[in-house]
Structure formats: structure tokens, C-alpha cells
Amino acid sequence: MKNRAPSVPGTIASVLAALALGGCATEPTTSTPAADKPVAAEIAKKRDERRKLRDETLAKLYEGKPEVRDELAKAEGYAVFQGTQLNLVLYVGASGNGILVDNKSGAETFMTMKRAGTGPGAGYKDYRQVMVFKSRALFDQFKSVGADVSASADATMKMGGDDKGKSFDGSVSFNPQLSVYQITDRGLLLQANWGGVAYLPDSDLN
């Protein structure tokens, strides 16, 4: 037969060559700190984006409701979120992120927002939300474990184009120690829905 098994010396040479190549490929083990740099840079970038979101949102809110500036200054702290809500028949979904600020210490806590619930209606909206905490206990609880807001109601009709100004929706707050303001960027939404909105500390940025 013409087919023969490779000779032992040839096999050994192949194995040694593979090991040598593998050793060359894995030699630079001192680059771990460099690999961490993009992660740190990305975290810093996301934090700065949320600070910018906060500043722009508050400026818009003060334009429409200048009295909120004084309310916020007297509060224990506040949070600013941006999110997108989608309604498909009986499903309501939303996601977003934001930042929580302690007025007393200036400390920042980065947050996420998610929602899944049910409710009649159809549409979408991009929005920004400002939450003003008048109670230290409520603020501290929100900072440490977040919150699950169990109900909301919306009646929003705001389309893009030249009419893409900001509309201030009356969001629902069932706690007298908490004020909630919502700014709709764009969207068409006529509905009344229910379902939990979960606000949680962002473990990636804190």
C-alpha cells in the first residue's frame, strides 16, 4: 500500500513547531493593564453622557416650569432619566438609564430603568424624567435598592418635525414626598397602562 503513517521524527518536529508558535503567541502577558484602559475609558464616557443628559434635561424643565428650580434646590436629591417606551396592543415595554444626585453631598449614583407590563394602547415615545425627592429616607432607599413604581397613566400626542418641542406630561406620583416630571421628546401615544417600572443602581458604572 502507498499510504504510510508519518514517521516518528516528522511527527515530533510538527509538535515542537506548534509548541514554539503557541509560545510566541502567548508571550506578551504584561499587557493586562493596557487591556483595562478601554474599559475605564468607556465607563468615564458613559458617566459624562449621563451628566450631560442631566444638565440638558434640567435646563429644558426649567424653561417650561421655572418653579421646579426652587423645589429641586430644597429637596434631598433628584434623579434624571431618559427612556423609550413601546406599546404593542397589551404589552408595555420601556428601558433607559439615568443619574441620581444627592443635594447634600453632591454624590452621584448611576441608575438603570426597565419596564415590562400590560395595558391597552399602541404607540411609542422617547422621554426624559425628573424625580425630586423631598424625603431623606425615600432618597436613601432609592439610592441603595432602587424602586418599583406600580402604576402610571399617559396621554401624550407629540410628533416630530417643526413641532418637536418639549411637552411636559403630568406623570403619576402616589407619594407626596416625591415629585415626577416627564418631558416627551417625540412620539404618538394615547393609552392608560399599568405595570412595574424598575429603577435600579447601575452596577457597571457605580
Protein backbone atom coordinates (compact mmCIF):
# COMPACT_ATOMS: atom_id res chain seq x y z
CA MET A 1 0.00 0.00 0.00
CA LYS A 2 1.19 3.53 -0.82
CA ASN A 3 -0.38 5.29 2.19
CA ARG A 4 2.00 5.28 5.12
CA ALA A 5 1.79 6.70 8.65
CA PRO A 6 4.01 9.76 9.15
CA SER A 7 7.42 8.96 10.52
CA VAL A 8 8.04 9.49 14.23
CA PRO A 9 10.72 12.14 13.70
CA GLY A 10 8.36 14.06 11.41
CA THR A 11 5.58 13.94 14.00
CA ILE A 12 7.87 15.17 16.78
CA ALA A 13 9.08 18.02 14.61
CA SER A 14 5.47 19.09 13.92
CA VAL A 15 4.58 19.06 17.61
CA LEU A 16 7.67 21.08 18.52
CA ALA A 17 6.87 23.63 15.83
CA ALA A 18 3.28 24.01 17.11
CA LEU A 19 4.50 24.48 20.67
CA ALA A 20 7.02 27.08 19.56
CA LEU A 21 4.34 29.04 17.69
CA GLY A 22 1.96 28.79 20.64
CA GLY A 23 4.65 30.09 22.96
CA CYS A 24 5.26 33.08 20.71
CA ALA A 25 1.54 33.88 20.56
CA THR A 26 1.09 33.86 24.32
CA GLU A 27 4.32 35.57 25.36
CA PRO A 28 3.06 39.18 25.86
CA THR A 29 1.42 38.68 29.25
CA THR A 30 2.40 42.12 30.53
CA SER A 31 -0.39 43.87 28.55
CA THR A 32 -3.17 43.32 31.12
CA PRO A 33 -3.16 46.91 32.43
CA ALA A 34 -3.41 48.21 28.85
CA ALA A 35 -6.39 45.94 28.23
CA ASP A 36 -8.18 47.52 31.20
CA LYS A 37 -7.78 51.07 29.89
CA PRO A 38 -10.54 50.93 27.24
CA VAL A 39 -12.97 49.63 29.89
CA ALA A 40 -12.18 52.51 32.23
CA ALA A 41 -12.41 54.99 29.36
CA GLU A 42 -15.80 53.62 28.35
CA ILE A 43 -17.10 53.91 31.92
CA ALA A 44 -15.91 57.52 32.12
CA LYS A 45 -17.55 58.28 28.77
CA LYS A 46 -20.91 56.84 29.85
CA ARG A 47 -20.80 58.75 33.13
CA ASP A 48 -20.13 62.00 31.28
CA GLU A 49 -23.00 61.28 28.87
CA ARG A 50 -25.41 60.93 31.78
CA ARG A 51 -24.15 64.12 33.39
CA LYS A 52 -24.74 65.90 30.09
CA LEU A 53 -28.23 64.36 29.92
CA ARG A 54 -28.92 65.69 33.43
CA ASP A 55 -27.82 69.22 32.64
CA GLU A 56 -29.74 69.42 29.35
CA THR A 57 -32.90 67.92 30.85
CA LEU A 58 -32.96 70.26 33.82
CA ALA A 59 -32.43 73.25 31.53
CA LYS A 60 -35.47 72.19 29.45
CA LEU A 61 -37.55 71.55 32.55
CA TYR A 62 -36.74 74.97 34.00
CA GLU A 63 -37.79 76.59 30.71
CA GLY A 64 -41.26 75.08 30.96
CA LYS A 65 -41.62 75.03 34.75
CA PRO A 66 -39.24 77.58 36.33
CA GLU A 67 -40.74 76.95 39.77
CA VAL A 68 -39.16 73.48 39.78
CA ARG A 69 -35.71 75.05 40.21
CA ASP A 70 -36.58 76.16 43.75
CA GLU A 71 -38.32 72.87 44.55
CA LEU A 72 -35.28 70.91 43.45
CA ALA A 73 -32.86 73.14 45.37
CA LYS A 74 -34.77 72.48 48.61
CA ALA A 75 -35.06 68.72 48.02
CA GLU A 76 -32.85 65.99 49.48
CA GLY A 77 -31.88 64.95 45.98
CA TYR A 78 -33.13 64.26 42.48
CA ALA A 79 -32.82 61.83 39.60
CA VAL A 80 -32.85 62.37 35.84
CA PHE A 81 -33.66 59.55 33.41
CA GLN A 82 -34.02 59.12 29.68
CA GLY A 83 -36.02 56.26 28.22
CA THR A 84 -38.03 54.85 25.36
CA GLN A 85 -41.45 53.33 25.84
CA LEU A 86 -43.12 50.97 23.37
CA ASN A 87 -46.76 49.88 23.45
CA LEU A 88 -47.85 46.93 21.35
CA VAL A 89 -51.52 46.10 21.93
CA LEU A 90 -51.45 44.78 25.51
CA TYR A 91 -47.67 44.84 26.04
CA VAL A 92 -45.79 47.80 27.50
CA GLY A 93 -42.01 47.83 27.48
CA ALA A 94 -39.51 50.52 28.37
CA SER A 95 -35.82 50.85 29.03
CA GLY A 96 -33.46 53.66 29.87
CA ASN A 97 -30.82 54.99 32.22
CA GLY A 98 -30.08 58.00 34.36
CA ILE A 99 -28.30 59.57 37.28
CA LEU A 100 -29.25 60.19 40.92
CA VAL A 101 -27.75 63.21 42.72
CA ASP A 102 -27.58 63.84 46.47
CA ASN A 103 -28.13 67.56 47.04
CA LYS A 104 -26.43 67.47 50.43
CA SER A 105 -23.17 65.77 49.47
CA GLY A 106 -23.17 66.09 45.69
CA ALA A 107 -22.65 62.32 45.38
CA GLU A 108 -23.78 60.71 42.14
CA THR A 109 -25.34 57.27 41.67
CA PHE A 110 -25.83 55.95 38.15
CA MET A 111 -29.11 54.11 37.54
CA THR A 112 -30.90 51.95 35.01
CA MET A 113 -34.62 51.76 34.24
CA LYS A 114 -36.66 48.85 32.88
CA ARG A 115 -40.34 48.21 32.48
CA ALA A 116 -42.48 45.29 31.44
CA GLY A 117 -46.22 45.34 31.91
CA THR A 118 -49.61 45.22 30.27
CA GLY A 119 -52.11 47.82 29.28
CA PRO A 120 -54.32 48.86 26.36
CA GLY A 121 -52.83 51.17 23.78
CA ALA A 122 -50.38 51.45 20.93
CA GLY A 123 -47.54 53.80 20.19
CA TYR A 124 -44.10 54.85 21.31
CA LYS A 125 -42.40 57.77 22.97
CA ASP A 126 -38.92 58.95 23.84
CA TYR A 127 -38.93 60.84 27.08
CA ARG A 128 -36.91 62.28 29.91
CA GLN A 129 -37.98 62.10 33.51
CA VAL A 130 -37.02 64.12 36.58
CA MET A 131 -37.75 62.78 40.05
CA VAL A 132 -37.47 65.14 43.03
CA PHE A 133 -37.05 63.50 46.46
CA LYS A 134 -38.28 65.52 49.43
CA SER A 135 -37.64 62.77 51.99
CA ARG A 136 -34.16 61.60 53.03
CA ALA A 137 -35.45 58.11 53.82
CA LEU A 138 -37.07 57.83 50.39
CA PHE A 139 -33.93 59.11 48.68
CA ASP A 140 -31.65 56.70 50.56
CA GLN A 141 -33.92 53.75 49.76
CA PHE A 142 -33.98 54.67 46.08
CA LYS A 143 -30.19 55.02 46.06
CA SER A 144 -29.49 51.67 47.67
CA VAL A 145 -32.14 49.34 46.27
CA GLY A 146 -33.99 51.38 43.62
CA ALA A 147 -37.76 51.33 43.32
CA ASP A 148 -40.61 49.66 41.52
CA VAL A 149 -43.34 52.12 40.55
CA SER A 150 -46.51 50.12 40.13
CA ALA A 151 -48.73 52.34 38.00
CA SER A 152 -48.76 55.19 35.52
CA ALA A 153 -51.08 56.94 33.13
CA ASP A 154 -50.19 58.79 29.94
CA ALA A 155 -52.00 60.90 27.40
CA THR A 156 -49.29 62.06 25.03
CA MET A 157 -49.53 63.26 21.46
CA LYS A 158 -46.34 64.81 20.21
CA MET A 159 -44.96 64.31 16.72
CA GLY A 160 -41.62 65.21 15.20
CA GLY A 161 -40.76 67.89 12.68
CA ASP A 162 -41.18 71.57 13.46
CA ASP A 163 -43.48 70.67 16.34
CA LYS A 164 -40.83 68.65 18.11
CA GLY A 165 -40.74 70.99 21.07
CA LYS A 166 -40.91 69.56 24.54
CA SER A 167 -44.24 68.70 26.12
CA PHE A 168 -44.47 68.35 29.87
CA ASP A 169 -46.60 65.40 30.83
CA GLY A 170 -48.19 65.01 34.24
CA SER A 171 -46.65 61.80 35.47
CA VAL A 172 -48.22 60.00 38.37
CA SER A 173 -46.64 60.05 41.81
CA PHE A 174 -48.53 58.41 44.64
CA ASN A 175 -46.07 59.66 47.27
CA PRO A 176 -46.32 63.28 48.49
CA GLN A 177 -42.58 63.17 49.20
CA LEU A 178 -41.82 62.59 45.52
CA SER A 179 -42.46 64.83 42.51
CA VAL A 180 -42.12 63.43 38.99
CA TYR A 181 -41.85 65.49 35.80
CA GLN A 182 -41.74 64.00 32.34
CA ILE A 183 -40.55 65.65 29.11
CA THR A 184 -41.59 63.97 25.88
CA ASP A 185 -39.16 64.38 23.00
CA ARG A 186 -41.31 62.83 20.31
CA GLY A 187 -43.92 60.16 19.85
CA LEU A 188 -47.59 59.42 19.50
CA LEU A 189 -49.13 57.68 22.45
CA LEU A 190 -52.70 57.56 23.71
CA GLN A 191 -53.11 55.00 26.42
CA ALA A 192 -53.56 54.20 30.05
CA ASN A 193 -51.35 51.38 31.19
CA TRP A 194 -50.09 49.57 34.22
CA GLY A 195 -47.01 47.57 35.01
CA GLY A 196 -43.91 47.99 37.12
CA VAL A 197 -41.11 50.41 36.29
CA ALA A 198 -37.95 49.19 37.98
CA TYR A 199 -35.25 51.73 38.82
CA LEU A 200 -32.01 50.07 39.90
CA PRO A 201 -28.42 51.17 40.63
CA ASP A 202 -26.17 50.52 37.61
CA SER A 203 -23.53 48.06 38.79
CA ASP A 204 -21.40 48.73 35.69
CA LEU A 205 -20.91 52.44 36.40
CA ASN A 206 -21.00 52.75 40.21
